[in-house]
């Protein structure tokens, strides 16, 4: 995976896994990103699974992959009832870090990661790896290459926001 960004910004990356056989309790480890001029600590990289859930769409529930969660069991879609089952429907909180993930045979799961480039990062190309390991020892690995550009963005003169109403 390759991308670029500026000091003080967030860079999104994503990959998908297709399981030929069930991948049970898949855990991920991310290395530091290193260049000749510095390091971006692995703590600056946030991993989340893209989770499906039922959402109203044209008056009818539709299964949509849109939630970014650290707990894959936080919201589980129930296809036969076309509704969601929540881990704690009253006081639910997502996990602090990505919990083990199981991918059923013949299905795909997308993982989304965000790298926070430190304000003081030196310009250069930073490299690292993300490795997934299932409970039976099978592994998958991706390389990450992130270029920190040698200039800073000017602050925006406007305040931007987004409002998205959900039901």
Protein backbone atom coordinates (compact mmCIF):
# COMPACT_ATOMS: atom_id res chain seq x y z
CA UNK A 1 0.00 0.00 0.00
CA UNK A 2 1.33 3.43 -0.93
CA UNK A 3 0.18 6.91 -0.11
CA UNK A 4 1.43 10.38 0.73
CA UNK A 5 0.56 13.16 3.10
CA UNK A 6 1.68 16.25 4.95
CA UNK A 7 2.82 16.85 8.50
CA UNK A 8 -0.11 17.13 10.90
CA UNK A 9 -2.60 15.33 8.63
CA UNK A 10 -4.31 11.93 8.60
CA UNK A 11 -3.74 9.52 5.70
CA UNK A 12 -6.33 6.78 5.03
CA UNK A 13 -5.39 3.37 3.62
CA UNK A 14 -7.48 0.26 3.12
CA UNK A 15 -7.17 -3.37 2.12
CA UNK A 16 -9.54 -6.32 1.79
CA UNK A 17 -8.99 -9.97 2.60
CA UNK A 18 -10.82 -12.85 0.94
CA UNK A 19 -10.76 -16.06 2.94
CA UNK A 20 -10.50 -19.29 0.96
CA UNK A 21 -10.85 -21.07 4.32
CA UNK A 22 -12.13 -19.63 7.56
CA UNK A 23 -9.63 -17.29 9.19
CA UNK A 24 -10.39 -17.52 12.90
CA UNK A 25 -9.33 -14.93 15.46
CA UNK A 26 -7.22 -12.93 13.02
CA UNK A 27 -5.08 -10.37 14.84
CA UNK A 28 -3.03 -7.59 13.25
CA UNK A 29 0.30 -6.07 14.19
CA UNK A 30 1.63 -2.86 12.64
CA UNK A 31 5.31 -1.97 12.66
CA UNK A 32 6.71 1.52 13.05
CA UNK A 33 7.10 3.32 9.72
CA UNK A 34 10.79 4.16 9.24
CA UNK A 35 12.75 6.36 6.86
CA UNK A 36 16.37 7.53 6.74
CA UNK A 37 15.27 10.72 8.50
CA UNK A 38 12.90 9.46 11.17
CA UNK A 39 10.15 7.18 12.48
CA UNK A 40 6.38 7.34 12.63
CA UNK A 41 5.46 5.30 15.69
CA UNK A 42 3.00 2.42 15.18
CA UNK A 43 0.81 4.09 17.84
CA UNK A 44 -0.03 6.72 15.20
CA UNK A 45 -1.74 4.03 13.08
CA UNK A 46 -5.39 3.23 13.84
CA UNK A 47 -6.87 -0.04 12.51
CA UNK A 48 -10.58 -0.69 12.11
CA UNK A 49 -12.70 -3.27 10.34
CA UNK A 50 -15.33 -2.08 7.86
CA UNK A 51 -18.49 -3.60 9.29
CA UNK A 52 -21.83 -4.24 7.60
CA UNK A 53 -25.10 -3.29 9.26
CA UNK A 54 -28.73 -2.80 8.29
CA UNK A 55 -29.72 0.79 7.52
CA UNK A 56 -33.04 2.20 6.31
CA UNK A 57 -32.81 2.82 2.59
CA UNK A 58 -35.88 3.92 0.67
CA UNK A 59 -38.15 2.68 3.47
CA UNK A 60 -36.59 -0.78 3.52
CA UNK A 61 -33.55 -2.06 5.47
CA UNK A 62 -30.45 -2.57 3.37
CA UNK A 63 -27.17 -4.21 4.41
CA UNK A 64 -24.42 -1.62 3.92
CA UNK A 65 -20.68 -1.81 4.65
CA UNK A 66 -20.04 1.54 6.27
CA UNK A 67 -19.18 1.34 9.97
CA UNK A 68 -15.52 1.53 10.98
CA UNK A 69 -15.18 -0.49 14.19
CA UNK A 70 -12.44 -1.87 16.38
CA UNK A 71 -14.82 -4.48 17.80
CA UNK A 72 -16.13 -6.70 14.97
CA UNK A 73 -18.96 -7.89 17.26
CA UNK A 74 -20.13 -4.39 18.25
CA UNK A 75 -23.02 -4.56 15.76
CA UNK A 76 -23.91 -7.86 14.09
CA UNK A 77 -26.41 -7.87 11.22
CA UNK A 78 -29.14 -10.53 11.42
CA UNK A 79 -30.03 -11.16 7.75
CA UNK A 80 -33.11 -13.30 8.45
CA UNK A 81 -34.65 -10.46 10.52
CA UNK A 82 -33.10 -7.58 8.55
CA UNK A 83 -31.98 -5.87 11.73
CA UNK A 84 -28.86 -5.45 13.85
CA UNK A 85 -27.92 -7.04 17.14
CA UNK A 86 -25.82 -4.74 19.31
CA UNK A 87 -23.34 -5.96 21.91
CA UNK A 88 -24.69 -3.44 24.41
CA UNK A 89 -27.70 -1.59 22.95
CA UNK A 90 -27.91 0.88 25.83
CA UNK A 91 -24.32 1.90 26.60
CA UNK A 92 -22.26 0.53 23.73
CA UNK A 93 -18.67 1.60 23.27
CA UNK A 94 -16.25 0.47 20.64
CA UNK A 95 -12.97 -1.19 21.71
CA UNK A 96 -9.73 0.73 22.29
CA UNK A 97 -7.88 -1.31 19.63
CA UNK A 98 -8.83 -3.75 16.88
CA UNK A 99 -10.03 -7.00 18.44
CA UNK A 100 -9.54 -10.43 16.81
CA UNK A 101 -11.58 -10.86 13.66
CA UNK A 102 -12.99 -14.03 12.08
CA UNK A 103 -13.53 -14.11 8.32
CA UNK A 104 -15.83 -16.88 7.08
CA UNK A 105 -14.69 -19.01 4.13
CA UNK A 106 -15.59 -17.47 0.78
CA UNK A 107 -16.21 -13.99 2.20
CA UNK A 108 -14.37 -10.67 2.16
CA UNK A 109 -13.57 -8.27 4.99
CA UNK A 110 -12.15 -4.81 4.53
CA UNK A 111 -9.73 -3.25 7.00
CA UNK A 112 -9.28 0.50 7.16
CA UNK A 113 -6.23 2.15 8.65
CA UNK A 114 -5.47 5.78 9.34
CA UNK A 115 -1.95 7.11 9.81
CA UNK A 116 -1.55 10.34 11.78
CA UNK A 117 1.57 12.05 10.44
CA UNK A 118 3.24 13.84 13.35
CA UNK A 119 3.57 17.64 13.19
CA UNK A 120 7.37 17.35 13.37
CA UNK A 121 7.85 14.44 10.92
CA UNK A 122 10.78 14.87 8.55
CA UNK A 123 10.08 14.72 4.83
CA UNK A 124 10.85 11.38 3.23
CA UNK A 125 9.52 7.94 2.39
CA UNK A 126 8.55 5.87 5.43
CA UNK A 127 8.18 2.10 5.20
CA UNK A 128 6.69 -0.55 7.44
CA UNK A 129 4.48 -3.65 7.51
CA UNK A 130 1.12 -4.81 8.71
CA UNK A 131 0.84 -8.51 9.51
CA UNK A 132 -2.27 -10.54 10.22
CA UNK A 133 -2.12 -13.90 11.98
CA UNK A 134 -5.01 -16.32 12.50
CA UNK A 135 -5.35 -18.71 15.44
CA UNK A 136 -4.10 -21.63 13.29
CA UNK A 137 -0.87 -19.77 12.49
CA UNK A 138 -1.65 -18.66 8.94
CA UNK A 139 -0.31 -15.18 8.20
CA UNK A 140 -0.81 -12.41 5.69
CA UNK A 141 1.44 -9.38 5.34
CA UNK A 142 1.30 -6.06 3.51
CA UNK A 143 3.99 -3.45 3.11
CA UNK A 144 3.18 0.19 3.77
CA UNK A 145 4.98 3.05 2.04
CA UNK A 146 4.08 6.57 3.08
CA UNK A 147 5.74 9.66 1.64
CA UNK A 148 5.76 12.72 3.89
CA UNK A 149 5.96 15.64 1.49
CA UNK A 150 8.63 18.33 2.03
CA UNK A 151 6.24 21.24 2.57
CA UNK A 152 3.37 22.11 4.87
CA UNK A 153 -0.21 22.96 3.95
CA UNK A 154 -1.40 26.46 4.70
CA UNK A 155 -4.10 26.63 7.37
CA UNK A 156 -7.58 26.87 5.90
CA UNK A 157 -9.21 30.27 6.25
CA UNK A 158 -12.62 28.61 6.64
CA UNK A 159 -14.24 26.30 9.14
CA UNK A 160 -15.47 23.09 7.53
CA UNK A 161 -17.84 20.54 8.97
CA UNK A 162 -20.08 17.69 7.94
CA UNK A 163 -23.49 16.81 9.26
CA UNK A 164 -24.97 13.42 8.54
CA UNK A 165 -28.27 12.58 10.16
CA UNK A 166 -28.85 8.92 10.97
CA UNK A 167 -31.90 7.23 12.39
